[in-house]
């Protein structure tokens, strides 16, 4: 009798497991938290400015999924995030017009941004497949809500007399990979840094960022 009861319970458990495996959420979404870490390269730097040190960026946020087809493997993603970027560069003061002091000024700029990412999502996911390839081209606009500049203490000079930081920056994004490991690229379309009023040279600098993005959920 005991043996029969045990076999019956095992049979019921097996049925429950099969029922669970057979359940398919045909309305699944890929709402996701993301985290990215990138190396930053400044582009179009004028002659007085050279990038130095290791410039990097980090970002995190949430993207809402809006499927566009019945299979739900093509979707639009829109989200909200936070970004922090650290830029290192030098300015040759003897090339500034008019020169204030001859030498090289070492600088660091930290910017904090509120970001609005938008992605067109092509993926190999299904309702029961959680590890898949993805291809996400997109666009991102960011608002610089805080920034901090640090200059070499050896020179009595304010970097904000040479360059200014735009309040809004935007660019193209691209993410591709498998499961949680994905390549991430950002290419700035507008100027991150501009020349301050009164300077005769042109400092219309944008950037490119290359690294990894992790989709957590």
Protein backbone atom coordinates (compact mmCIF):
# COMPACT_ATOMS: atom_id res chain seq x y z
CA UNK A 1 0.00 0.00 0.00
CA UNK A 2 2.79 2.40 0.91
CA UNK A 3 4.60 1.57 -2.30
CA UNK A 4 1.45 2.29 -4.31
CA UNK A 5 0.99 5.65 -2.55
CA UNK A 6 4.58 6.67 -3.25
CA UNK A 7 4.26 5.74 -6.92
CA UNK A 8 1.01 7.71 -7.12
CA UNK A 9 2.62 10.82 -5.61
CA UNK A 10 5.56 10.55 -8.01
CA UNK A 11 3.14 10.26 -10.92
CA UNK A 12 1.20 13.38 -9.80
CA UNK A 13 4.47 15.29 -9.40
CA UNK A 14 5.54 14.28 -12.87
CA UNK A 15 2.24 15.52 -14.30
CA UNK A 16 2.63 18.86 -12.51
CA UNK A 17 6.17 19.29 -13.88
CA UNK A 18 4.98 18.50 -17.41
CA UNK A 19 2.12 20.94 -17.05
CA UNK A 20 4.56 23.64 -15.95
CA UNK A 21 6.89 22.89 -18.87
CA UNK A 22 3.94 23.04 -21.29
CA UNK A 23 2.91 26.52 -20.11
CA UNK A 24 3.88 29.15 -22.68
CA UNK A 25 3.51 32.87 -22.10
CA UNK A 26 2.59 34.05 -25.59
CA UNK A 27 2.53 37.66 -24.30
CA UNK A 28 6.09 37.66 -23.00
CA UNK A 29 8.13 40.86 -22.97
CA UNK A 30 11.84 41.53 -22.81
CA UNK A 31 11.61 44.37 -20.30
CA UNK A 32 15.16 44.65 -19.15
CA UNK A 33 17.52 46.32 -16.77
CA UNK A 34 20.83 47.10 -18.43
CA UNK A 35 24.34 48.06 -17.39
CA UNK A 36 27.11 49.17 -19.75
CA UNK A 37 30.81 49.86 -19.39
CA UNK A 38 32.68 51.56 -22.24
CA UNK A 39 36.01 53.01 -23.28
CA UNK A 40 35.65 56.58 -24.60
CA UNK A 41 37.59 58.10 -27.50
CA UNK A 42 37.29 61.82 -28.27
CA UNK A 43 36.92 62.70 -31.96
CA UNK A 44 37.69 65.84 -33.97
CA UNK A 45 39.98 67.31 -31.32
CA UNK A 46 41.63 70.54 -32.55
CA UNK A 47 45.40 70.96 -32.48
CA UNK A 48 45.68 72.40 -28.94
CA UNK A 49 43.81 69.42 -27.43
CA UNK A 50 45.04 65.80 -27.07
CA UNK A 51 43.29 62.98 -25.28
CA UNK A 52 45.24 61.54 -22.36
CA UNK A 53 44.65 58.87 -19.76
CA UNK A 54 41.88 56.29 -19.81
CA UNK A 55 38.51 57.88 -20.47
CA UNK A 56 35.54 55.68 -19.63
CA UNK A 57 31.79 55.66 -19.24
CA UNK A 58 29.21 53.66 -17.30
CA UNK A 59 25.45 53.57 -17.66
CA UNK A 60 22.45 51.80 -16.21
CA UNK A 61 18.70 51.93 -16.64
CA UNK A 62 15.50 50.23 -17.69
CA UNK A 63 14.09 49.61 -21.18
CA UNK A 64 10.41 48.91 -21.83
CA UNK A 65 9.63 46.38 -24.56
CA UNK A 66 6.94 46.94 -27.23
CA UNK A 67 6.66 43.89 -29.57
CA UNK A 68 5.91 44.69 -33.22
CA UNK A 69 5.04 41.24 -34.59
CA UNK A 70 3.14 38.12 -33.56
CA UNK A 71 6.30 36.12 -32.83
CA UNK A 72 7.43 38.98 -30.58
CA UNK A 73 11.01 38.68 -31.83
CA UNK A 74 10.91 42.17 -33.34
CA UNK A 75 10.21 44.98 -30.93
CA UNK A 76 10.70 48.62 -30.07
CA UNK A 77 12.47 49.39 -26.81
CA UNK A 78 12.23 52.74 -25.01
CA UNK A 79 13.72 53.47 -21.64
CA UNK A 80 15.20 55.76 -19.04
CA UNK A 81 18.71 55.61 -17.67
CA UNK A 82 21.64 57.30 -15.96
CA UNK A 83 25.11 57.78 -17.39
CA UNK A 84 28.49 58.83 -15.99
CA UNK A 85 31.41 59.65 -18.27
CA UNK A 86 34.98 60.55 -17.33
CA UNK A 87 37.13 62.38 -19.93
CA UNK A 88 40.90 62.95 -19.69
CA UNK A 89 42.71 65.30 -22.08
CA UNK A 90 45.55 67.82 -22.36
CA UNK A 91 45.51 71.38 -23.71
CA UNK A 92 48.69 73.02 -24.98
CA UNK A 93 48.45 76.51 -23.58
CA UNK A 94 51.08 77.98 -25.90
CA UNK A 95 48.72 77.30 -28.82
CA UNK A 96 45.77 79.13 -27.26
CA UNK A 97 45.10 82.56 -28.77
CA UNK A 98 46.03 84.65 -26.91
CA UNK A 99 48.31 82.36 -24.82
CA UNK A 100 47.94 82.78 -21.08
CA UNK A 101 50.88 80.62 -20.13
CA UNK A 102 53.21 78.32 -22.03
CA UNK A 103 52.90 74.64 -21.13
CA UNK A 104 50.46 71.73 -21.09
CA UNK A 105 47.32 71.76 -18.98
CA UNK A 106 46.06 68.37 -17.76
CA UNK A 107 42.29 68.19 -17.46
CA UNK A 108 39.51 65.89 -16.37
CA UNK A 109 35.78 66.35 -16.95
CA UNK A 110 33.08 64.26 -15.27
CA UNK A 111 29.55 64.49 -16.63
CA UNK A 112 26.34 63.04 -15.22
CA UNK A 113 23.48 62.50 -17.65
CA UNK A 114 19.83 61.49 -17.68
CA UNK A 115 19.42 59.31 -20.78
CA UNK A 116 16.53 58.30 -23.04
CA UNK A 117 17.55 55.21 -25.08
CA UNK A 118 15.46 54.02 -28.03
CA UNK A 119 16.13 50.64 -29.70
CA UNK A 120 14.78 48.64 -32.63
CA UNK A 121 15.12 45.06 -31.37
CA UNK A 122 15.76 42.01 -33.53
CA UNK A 123 16.23 38.87 -31.44
CA UNK A 124 16.11 35.08 -31.47
CA UNK A 125 13.94 34.79 -28.37
CA UNK A 126 10.77 32.73 -27.89
CA UNK A 127 8.33 32.41 -25.00
CA UNK A 128 10.45 29.59 -23.52
CA UNK A 129 13.93 30.57 -24.74
CA UNK A 130 15.77 32.93 -22.43
CA UNK A 131 19.24 32.75 -23.97
CA UNK A 132 19.29 34.17 -27.47
CA UNK A 133 21.16 36.30 -29.99
CA UNK A 134 20.21 39.95 -30.25
CA UNK A 135 20.80 42.83 -32.68
CA UNK A 136 19.68 46.22 -31.31
CA UNK A 137 20.41 49.37 -33.37
CA UNK A 138 19.18 52.51 -31.70
CA UNK A 139 19.42 56.17 -30.74
CA UNK A 140 20.05 57.90 -27.43
CA UNK A 141 19.60 61.46 -26.22
CA UNK A 142 21.07 62.58 -22.92
CA UNK A 143 20.70 65.66 -20.73
CA UNK A 144 23.82 66.76 -18.82
CA UNK A 145 22.41 67.65 -15.41
CA UNK A 146 25.76 67.92 -13.62
CA UNK A 147 29.43 68.19 -14.49
CA UNK A 148 32.75 68.76 -12.77
CA UNK A 149 36.00 69.96 -14.30
CA UNK A 150 39.46 69.51 -12.80
CA UNK A 151 42.60 71.18 -14.14
CA UNK A 152 46.31 70.83 -13.43
CA UNK A 153 47.11 72.78 -10.27
CA UNK A 154 50.46 73.79 -11.73
CA UNK A 155 48.69 76.41 -13.85
CA UNK A 156 46.32 79.14 -12.76
CA UNK A 157 43.78 78.57 -15.51
CA UNK A 158 40.11 77.65 -15.70
CA UNK A 159 39.31 75.03 -18.36
CA UNK A 160 35.87 76.60 -18.79
CA UNK A 161 37.63 79.62 -20.32
CA UNK A 162 38.66 77.32 -23.19
CA UNK A 163 35.77 74.89 -23.70
CA UNK A 164 32.10 74.54 -22.78
CA UNK A 165 29.94 71.45 -22.31
CA UNK A 166 26.66 71.06 -24.18
CA UNK A 167 23.52 70.53 -22.12
CA UNK A 168 22.14 67.95 -24.56
CA UNK A 169 24.11 65.27 -26.38
CA UNK A 170 22.79 62.56 -28.66
CA UNK A 171 24.02 59.79 -30.90
CA UNK A 172 23.57 56.39 -32.50
CA UNK A 173 23.81 53.18 -30.47
CA UNK A 174 24.36 49.55 -31.40
CA UNK A 175 24.19 46.47 -29.18
CA UNK A 176 24.67 42.89 -30.34
CA UNK A 177 25.55 39.60 -28.71
CA UNK A 178 24.28 36.52 -26.94
CA UNK A 179 22.48 36.21 -23.61
CA UNK A 180 23.92 38.71 -21.09
CA UNK A 181 27.21 39.38 -22.94
CA UNK A 182 26.87 41.98 -25.67
CA UNK A 183 29.01 44.47 -27.56
CA UNK A 184 27.86 48.07 -27.14
CA UNK A 185 28.84 51.07 -29.30
CA UNK A 186 27.78 54.71 -29.08
CA UNK A 187 28.68 57.32 -31.70
CA UNK A 188 27.99 60.97 -30.84
CA UNK A 189 26.23 62.93 -33.55
CA UNK A 190 26.49 66.37 -32.00
CA UNK A 191 29.22 68.23 -30.16
CA UNK A 192 30.00 67.24 -26.61
CA UNK A 193 32.52 70.05 -26.11
CA UNK A 194 32.57 73.45 -27.83
CA UNK A 195 35.00 76.33 -27.78
CA UNK A 196 34.21 78.97 -25.19
CA UNK A 197 33.29 82.46 -26.44
CA UNK A 198 36.36 84.55 -27.26
CA UNK A 199 38.58 81.70 -28.51
CA UNK A 200 39.60 81.83 -32.14
CA UNK A 201 40.17 78.09 -32.66
CA UNK A 202 37.38 75.55 -33.27
CA UNK A 203 36.72 72.94 -30.57
CA UNK A 204 33.69 71.00 -31.80
CA UNK A 205 34.41 67.65 -30.16
CA UNK A 206 32.24 64.53 -30.17
CA UNK A 207 33.03 61.02 -28.97
CA UNK A 208 32.72 57.30 -29.65
CA UNK A 209 32.27 54.72 -26.87
CA UNK A 210 32.97 51.01 -27.24
CA UNK A 211 32.48 48.35 -24.59
CA UNK A 212 30.03 45.85 -23.13
CA UNK A 213 26.37 46.02 -22.19
CA UNK A 214 24.71 43.51 -19.87
CA UNK A 215 20.96 42.87 -20.04
CA UNK A 216 20.14 41.64 -16.58
CA UNK A 217 16.43 40.72 -16.80
